[in-house]
Amino acid sequence: QVQLVESGGGSVQPGGSLRLSCAASGSIFAIYTMGWFRQAPGKERELVAGITSGGDTNYADSVKGRFTISRDNTKNVALQMNSLKPEDTAVYYCYARIRTFSTTLDGWGQGTLVTVSS
């Protein structure tokens, strides 16, 4: 069994910063890509940022230059969000492509709410 647990969401004023963290645990042999998605009310879930096991990163155009994704080891990923805008308000989900000892699967966190409002 695999779990992804997120932390760090909350409310912030426009221009502020938040840091999201995600820790994977369970019967994990390896983790390939990790990333963050978000879903705003009435909208589809979208990729915010991703990072491979080799450290290559990619970002949505809307967050480039403001958000930074990082991995501090093979099972933890973080998203530093600066210069936040009201349109960044969404539920943020951690994602990981995980190899267990029996299969490969897509793991998702439970989601953490980020609200940007004055």
Protein backbone atom coordinates (compact mmCIF):
# COMPACT_ATOMS: atom_id res chain seq x y z
CA GLN A 1 0.00 0.00 0.00
CA VAL A 2 1.22 3.49 -0.89
CA GLN A 3 0.35 6.85 0.64
CA LEU A 4 1.07 10.42 -0.36
CA VAL A 5 0.54 12.94 2.44
CA GLU A 6 0.53 16.66 1.72
CA SER A 7 0.99 19.60 4.04
CA GLY A 8 1.41 23.35 3.84
CA GLY A 9 -1.78 24.68 2.32
CA GLY A 10 -3.62 27.67 3.72
CA SER A 11 -4.72 31.22 3.08
CA VAL A 12 -2.46 34.04 1.94
CA GLN A 13 -2.80 37.52 0.51
CA PRO A 14 -1.90 38.26 -3.11
CA GLY A 15 1.85 38.55 -3.47
CA GLY A 16 2.46 36.20 -0.58
CA SER A 17 4.19 32.83 -0.45
CA LEU A 18 3.37 29.29 0.60
CA ARG A 19 5.32 26.06 0.57
CA LEU A 20 3.64 22.72 -0.04
CA SER A 21 5.26 19.45 0.95
CA CYS A 22 4.43 15.86 0.10
CA ALA A 23 5.83 12.67 1.56
CA ALA A 24 5.39 9.24 0.03
CA SER A 25 5.39 6.11 2.16
CA GLY A 26 4.56 2.43 1.94
CA SER A 27 5.77 -0.49 -0.13
CA ILE A 28 7.78 1.57 -2.60
CA PHE A 29 10.56 0.19 -4.75
CA ALA A 30 11.13 3.37 -6.72
CA ILE A 31 9.46 6.68 -7.55
CA TYR A 32 9.80 8.07 -11.03
CA THR A 33 8.12 11.41 -11.74
CA MET A 34 6.62 13.44 -8.91
CA GLY A 35 4.56 16.55 -9.31
CA TRP A 36 1.78 18.86 -8.31
CA PHE A 37 -1.60 19.30 -9.93
CA ARG A 38 -4.35 21.71 -8.97
CA GLN A 39 -8.07 21.97 -9.44
CA ALA A 40 -9.96 25.22 -9.09
CA PRO A 41 -13.74 25.31 -8.59
CA GLY A 42 -15.51 24.53 -11.83
CA LYS A 43 -12.30 23.72 -13.66
CA GLU A 44 -10.45 20.58 -14.66
CA ARG A 45 -7.40 19.35 -12.80
CA GLU A 46 -4.22 20.74 -14.37
CA LEU A 47 -0.52 20.10 -14.06
CA VAL A 48 1.32 22.78 -12.11
CA ALA A 49 4.84 21.36 -12.00
CA GLY A 50 6.66 18.05 -12.36
CA ILE A 51 10.10 16.71 -11.55
CA THR A 52 11.73 13.50 -12.71
CA SER A 53 13.95 11.21 -10.65
CA GLY A 54 16.87 12.82 -12.46
CA GLY A 55 15.83 16.31 -11.43
CA ASP A 56 14.41 17.58 -14.72
CA THR A 57 11.52 19.95 -14.14
CA ASN A 58 8.61 21.33 -16.08
CA TYR A 59 6.05 24.00 -15.21
CA ALA A 60 2.73 25.30 -16.39
CA ASP A 61 3.19 28.60 -18.21
CA SER A 62 0.99 30.32 -15.65
CA VAL A 63 3.42 29.58 -12.79
CA LYS A 64 6.82 29.83 -14.47
CA GLY A 65 9.10 32.19 -12.59
CA ARG A 66 6.90 32.11 -9.49
CA PHE A 67 6.77 28.45 -8.42
CA THR A 68 9.68 26.08 -7.82
CA ILE A 69 9.41 22.32 -7.49
CA SER A 70 12.08 20.31 -5.69
CA ARG A 71 12.81 16.83 -4.38
CA ASP A 72 14.92 16.51 -1.26
CA ASN A 73 15.16 12.75 -1.53
CA THR A 74 13.52 9.96 -3.49
CA LYS A 75 10.21 10.13 -1.63
CA ASN A 76 9.59 13.79 -0.79
CA VAL A 77 8.60 16.62 -3.09
CA ALA A 78 7.94 20.27 -2.35
CA LEU A 79 6.43 23.23 -4.19
CA GLN A 80 7.57 26.73 -3.26
CA MET A 81 4.95 29.21 -4.39
CA ASN A 82 5.87 32.90 -4.51
CA SER A 83 4.06 35.97 -5.81
CA LEU A 84 0.76 34.20 -5.41
CA LYS A 85 -2.25 35.47 -7.32
CA PRO A 86 -5.98 35.00 -6.71
CA GLU A 87 -6.10 32.74 -9.77
CA ASP A 88 -3.76 30.34 -7.98
CA THR A 89 -6.60 29.50 -5.60
CA ALA A 90 -7.28 25.78 -5.90
CA VAL A 91 -6.95 22.41 -4.25
CA TYR A 92 -3.39 21.22 -4.85
CA TYR A 93 -2.68 17.51 -5.27
CA CYS A 94 0.62 15.72 -4.99
CA TYR A 95 1.27 13.09 -7.65
CA ALA A 96 3.83 10.34 -8.01
CA ARG A 97 4.50 7.59 -10.52
CA ILE A 98 5.43 4.75 -8.21
CA ARG A 99 6.98 1.36 -8.74
CA THR A 100 5.99 -1.06 -5.99
CA PHE A 101 7.35 -4.57 -5.67
CA SER A 102 4.49 -5.90 -7.78
CA THR A 103 3.28 -3.14 -10.09
CA THR A 104 3.60 0.45 -11.27
CA LEU A 105 0.87 2.88 -10.32
CA ASP A 106 -0.12 6.52 -10.12
CA GLY A 107 -0.37 7.78 -6.54
CA TRP A 108 -2.32 10.84 -5.45
CA GLY A 109 -2.46 12.81 -2.24
CA GLN A 110 -5.69 13.83 -0.61
CA GLY A 111 -5.35 17.45 -1.67
CA THR A 112 -4.58 20.63 0.22
CA LEU A 113 -6.46 23.90 -0.24
CA VAL A 114 -4.62 27.07 -1.20
CA THR A 115 -6.62 30.29 -1.03
CA VAL A 116 -5.20 33.58 -2.30
CA SER A 117 -7.38 36.50 -1.34
CA SER A 118 -7.18 39.98 0.10
